[in-house]
Amino acid sequence: METSLLSLGYVASAITFLAYLMRSHMRLRQVAIASNIVFVIYGASLRMWPVLILHAALLILNAIRLREIVLTQRAVAAALDRTDLSLEWLAPYMKRVRFGPGETIFRKGDRADKVYCVLKGSIEIDEIGVLLGPRTLLGEIGVFSPTHTRTLGASTPNGVSLLVITREELLGLYRHHPEFGIYLLQLITKRLLENEALRHAHEFTLLHVSDSIVADD
């Protein structure tokens, strides 16, 4: 009997050592749970209450952490499958601000420390003359660029109500909700593609106008 219990202790120790070899967080927790279960049996069999209590507590902790990992992986997978990049993620964390007619929201080259969402009214991108209406996100590219500067300027011709969130608040969201990082990456990619399309459209319009002027001359 004593030999069997001693062997059980060795098995539990070996499993604990194995847990430290795991590179995957999920696999580490799974192996640690197995180790905790064996140690609980070992401690109960020999009435080693400190060992039993410790590993019973660690078993609960590891089970909680494993559940968090599973839920996070599912949330990330769901974020990757999303096609509707709505602003439901950001709206609850944003503050409302108002700019009057003709006011500048930011200029090209300004420090980018905020992301805006148009709530009511419109914003004009100064360099390309494009108007952005309600539910449009603005400024996220500059916030996450290496230089943290605005690549274009923005103003409001007739006044606008905006929702705003700071860079620090965005990073806090990312730390607490990893799936938000996937959402934000998709959103920025979508915006880059939209901006590229707008630039091409603007250049095409200018070229067309220029050709028309030359033709008239």
Protein backbone atom coordinates (compact mmCIF):
# COMPACT_ATOMS: atom_id res chain seq x y z
CA MET A 1 0.00 0.00 0.00
CA GLU A 2 2.76 2.42 0.99
CA THR A 3 4.64 1.58 -2.20
CA SER A 4 1.56 2.31 -4.30
CA LEU A 5 1.00 5.65 -2.55
CA LEU A 6 4.67 6.55 -2.96
CA SER A 7 4.39 5.75 -6.67
CA LEU A 8 1.31 7.97 -6.85
CA GLY A 9 3.36 10.83 -5.40
CA TYR A 10 6.06 10.29 -8.02
CA VAL A 11 3.45 10.25 -10.77
CA ALA A 12 1.96 13.52 -9.50
CA SER A 13 5.41 15.12 -9.35
CA ALA A 14 6.22 13.90 -12.88
CA ILE A 15 2.98 15.38 -14.22
CA THR A 16 3.78 18.70 -12.48
CA PHE A 17 7.21 18.72 -14.13
CA LEU A 18 5.57 17.93 -17.47
CA ALA A 19 3.27 20.93 -17.07
CA TYR A 20 6.29 23.26 -17.05
CA LEU A 21 7.38 21.86 -20.42
CA MET A 22 4.16 22.91 -22.10
CA ARG A 23 4.40 25.89 -24.47
CA SER A 24 0.67 26.15 -25.00
CA HIS A 25 -1.19 27.93 -22.18
CA MET A 26 -4.19 25.66 -22.66
CA ARG A 27 -2.10 22.50 -22.58
CA LEU A 28 -0.24 23.76 -19.50
CA ARG A 29 -3.51 24.27 -17.62
CA GLN A 30 -4.82 20.87 -18.69
CA VAL A 31 -1.70 19.06 -17.50
CA ALA A 32 -1.64 21.13 -14.29
CA ILE A 33 -5.25 20.09 -13.58
CA ALA A 34 -4.26 16.43 -14.01
CA SER A 35 -1.38 16.99 -11.60
CA ASN A 36 -3.68 18.65 -9.06
CA ILE A 37 -6.15 15.77 -9.20
CA VAL A 38 -3.42 13.18 -8.57
CA PHE A 39 -1.98 15.26 -5.71
CA VAL A 40 -5.43 15.61 -4.13
CA ILE A 41 -5.81 11.81 -4.19
CA TYR A 42 -2.27 11.43 -2.84
CA GLY A 43 -2.83 13.93 -0.05
CA ALA A 44 -6.20 12.43 0.93
CA SER A 45 -4.78 8.89 0.97
CA LEU A 46 -1.93 9.83 3.32
CA ARG A 47 -4.00 12.42 5.20
CA MET A 48 -1.49 15.09 4.23
CA TRP A 49 -3.98 17.92 4.60
CA PRO A 50 -1.67 20.79 3.55
CA VAL A 51 -0.96 19.00 0.25
CA LEU A 52 -4.64 18.24 -0.28
CA ILE A 53 -5.79 21.79 0.50
CA LEU A 54 -3.10 23.38 -1.67
CA HIS A 55 -3.82 21.27 -4.73
CA ALA A 56 -7.59 21.45 -4.27
CA ALA A 57 -7.26 25.26 -4.39
CA LEU A 58 -4.89 25.07 -7.38
CA LEU A 59 -7.32 22.72 -9.13
CA ILE A 60 -10.09 25.31 -8.87
CA LEU A 61 -7.74 28.11 -10.01
CA ASN A 62 -6.45 26.14 -12.99
CA ALA A 63 -10.00 25.19 -13.98
CA ILE A 64 -11.01 28.87 -13.93
CA ARG A 65 -7.99 29.89 -16.01
CA LEU A 66 -8.63 27.07 -18.49
CA ARG A 67 -12.22 28.22 -18.90
CA GLU A 68 -11.01 31.80 -19.55
CA ILE A 69 -8.60 30.54 -22.23
CA VAL A 70 -11.36 28.52 -23.93
CA LEU A 71 -13.79 31.47 -23.87
CA THR A 72 -11.12 33.82 -25.25
CA GLN A 73 -10.28 31.44 -28.09
CA ARG A 74 -13.97 31.15 -28.98
CA ALA A 75 -14.38 34.93 -28.89
CA VAL A 76 -11.33 35.42 -31.13
CA ALA A 77 -12.67 32.84 -33.57
CA ALA A 78 -16.05 34.60 -33.59
CA ALA A 79 -14.33 37.96 -34.20
CA LEU A 80 -12.42 36.51 -37.14
CA ASP A 81 -15.69 35.29 -38.66
CA ARG A 82 -17.42 38.65 -38.34
CA THR A 83 -18.35 40.46 -41.51
CA ASP A 84 -20.36 43.28 -39.91
CA LEU A 85 -17.74 45.66 -38.52
CA SER A 86 -20.23 47.77 -36.56
CA LEU A 87 -19.26 50.14 -33.76
CA GLU A 88 -20.99 48.19 -31.01
CA TRP A 89 -17.58 47.34 -29.51
CA LEU A 90 -16.52 50.96 -29.05
CA ALA A 91 -19.69 52.97 -28.40
CA PRO A 92 -20.08 52.08 -24.69
CA TYR A 93 -16.51 53.25 -23.97
CA MET A 94 -16.63 56.55 -25.86
CA LYS A 95 -17.42 60.10 -24.70
CA ARG A 96 -19.56 62.58 -26.59
CA VAL A 97 -18.07 65.86 -27.91
CA ARG A 98 -19.35 68.63 -30.19
CA PHE A 99 -17.58 70.74 -32.84
CA GLY A 100 -19.19 73.85 -34.30
CA PRO A 101 -19.44 74.80 -38.01
CA GLY A 102 -16.04 75.41 -39.59
CA GLU A 103 -14.05 74.03 -36.65
CA THR A 104 -10.94 71.94 -37.20
CA ILE A 105 -10.97 68.54 -35.51
CA PHE A 106 -7.32 67.85 -36.23
CA ARG A 107 -4.67 68.82 -38.79
CA LYS A 108 -2.29 66.71 -40.80
CA GLY A 109 0.83 66.08 -38.70
CA ASP A 110 -0.96 66.57 -35.35
CA ARG A 111 -0.35 64.00 -32.63
CA ALA A 112 -2.87 61.17 -32.98
CA ASP A 113 -4.13 60.26 -29.50
CA LYS A 114 -7.88 59.87 -30.08
CA VAL A 115 -10.29 57.93 -32.28
CA TYR A 116 -13.58 59.54 -33.31
CA CYS A 117 -16.94 58.24 -34.46
CA VAL A 118 -19.40 60.53 -36.25
CA LEU A 119 -22.66 60.55 -34.32
CA LYS A 120 -24.51 63.35 -36.10
CA GLY A 121 -23.47 65.70 -38.88
CA SER A 122 -20.45 65.26 -41.14
CA ILE A 123 -16.67 65.57 -41.27
CA GLU A 124 -14.62 66.64 -44.27
CA ILE A 125 -11.18 65.15 -44.94
CA ASP A 126 -9.37 68.34 -45.89
CA GLU A 127 -6.72 67.01 -48.27
CA ILE A 128 -9.09 64.98 -50.46
CA GLY A 129 -12.42 66.76 -49.90
CA VAL A 130 -14.30 63.62 -48.84
CA LEU A 131 -17.29 63.91 -46.49
CA LEU A 132 -17.82 61.29 -43.78
CA GLY A 133 -21.29 60.84 -42.31
CA PRO A 134 -22.82 59.21 -39.21
CA ARG A 135 -21.42 55.90 -37.88
CA THR A 136 -18.06 56.50 -39.58
CA LEU A 137 -14.92 55.82 -37.56
CA LEU A 138 -12.10 58.33 -37.91
CA GLY A 139 -8.50 58.59 -36.70
CA GLU A 140 -7.74 54.96 -35.84
CA ILE A 141 -4.93 54.66 -38.41
CA GLY A 142 -2.95 57.57 -36.97
CA VAL A 143 -3.40 56.30 -33.42
CA PHE A 144 -1.74 52.99 -34.26
CA SER A 145 0.82 54.26 -36.76
CA PRO A 146 4.52 54.14 -35.71
CA THR A 147 4.75 57.94 -35.58
CA HIS A 148 1.34 58.47 -33.90
CA THR A 149 0.62 61.41 -36.19
CA ARG A 150 -2.36 62.32 -38.35
CA THR A 151 -1.93 61.39 -41.99
CA LEU A 152 -4.76 63.72 -43.07
CA GLY A 153 -6.60 66.71 -41.60
CA ALA A 154 -10.30 66.82 -40.70
CA SER A 155 -12.81 69.62 -40.13
CA THR A 156 -16.56 70.02 -40.00
CA PRO A 157 -18.35 72.33 -42.46
CA ASN A 158 -21.68 72.46 -40.63
CA GLY A 159 -20.94 71.19 -37.13
CA VAL A 160 -20.75 67.63 -35.88
CA SER A 161 -21.42 65.50 -32.80
CA LEU A 162 -18.75 62.89 -32.20
CA LEU A 163 -17.97 60.00 -29.90
CA VAL A 164 -14.33 59.95 -28.84
CA ILE A 165 -12.03 57.43 -27.16
CA THR A 166 -8.36 57.91 -26.25
CA ARG A 167 -5.46 55.72 -27.33
CA GLU A 168 -4.88 54.62 -23.72
CA GLU A 169 -8.51 53.54 -23.40
CA LEU A 170 -8.24 51.58 -26.65
CA LEU A 171 -5.12 49.79 -25.41
CA GLY A 172 -6.91 49.02 -22.15
CA LEU A 173 -9.73 47.42 -24.11
CA TYR A 174 -7.22 45.32 -26.02
CA ARG A 175 -5.53 44.11 -22.83
CA HIS A 176 -8.80 43.01 -21.26
CA HIS A 177 -10.50 41.77 -24.43
CA PRO A 178 -8.03 40.09 -26.84
CA GLU A 179 -10.84 39.52 -29.33
CA PHE A 180 -11.13 43.31 -29.60
CA GLY A 181 -7.65 43.33 -31.14
CA ILE A 182 -8.92 41.11 -33.96
CA TYR A 183 -11.92 43.38 -34.46
CA LEU A 184 -9.70 46.47 -34.53
CA LEU A 185 -7.25 44.88 -36.98
CA GLN A 186 -10.13 44.09 -39.34
CA LEU A 187 -11.51 47.60 -38.92
CA ILE A 188 -8.17 49.28 -39.70
CA THR A 189 -7.62 47.01 -42.71
CA LYS A 190 -11.09 47.89 -43.97
CA ARG A 191 -10.36 51.60 -43.49
CA LEU A 192 -7.03 51.38 -45.33
CA LEU A 193 -8.75 49.74 -48.29
CA GLU A 194 -11.51 52.38 -48.23
CA ASN A 195 -8.98 55.23 -48.05
CA GLU A 196 -7.03 53.76 -50.95
CA ALA A 197 -10.22 53.56 -53.00
CA LEU A 198 -11.08 57.17 -52.09
CA ARG A 199 -7.61 58.34 -53.10
CA HIS A 200 -7.90 56.62 -56.48
CA ALA A 201 -11.36 58.08 -57.00
CA HIS A 202 -10.12 61.56 -56.09
CA GLU A 203 -7.10 61.29 -58.39
CA PHE A 204 -9.32 60.03 -61.20
CA THR A 205 -11.69 62.99 -60.72
CA LEU A 206 -8.82 65.49 -60.80
CA LEU A 207 -7.39 63.84 -63.91
CA HIS A 208 -10.79 63.91 -65.59
CA VAL A 209 -11.25 67.61 -64.76
CA SER A 210 -7.75 68.38 -65.99
CA ASP A 211 -8.39 66.54 -69.28
CA SER A 212 -11.66 68.44 -69.70
CA ILE A 213 -9.91 71.78 -69.22
CA VAL A 214 -7.21 70.85 -71.73
CA ALA A 215 -9.85 69.74 -74.19
CA ASP A 216 -11.76 73.02 -73.83
CA ASP A 217 -8.57 74.99 -74.45
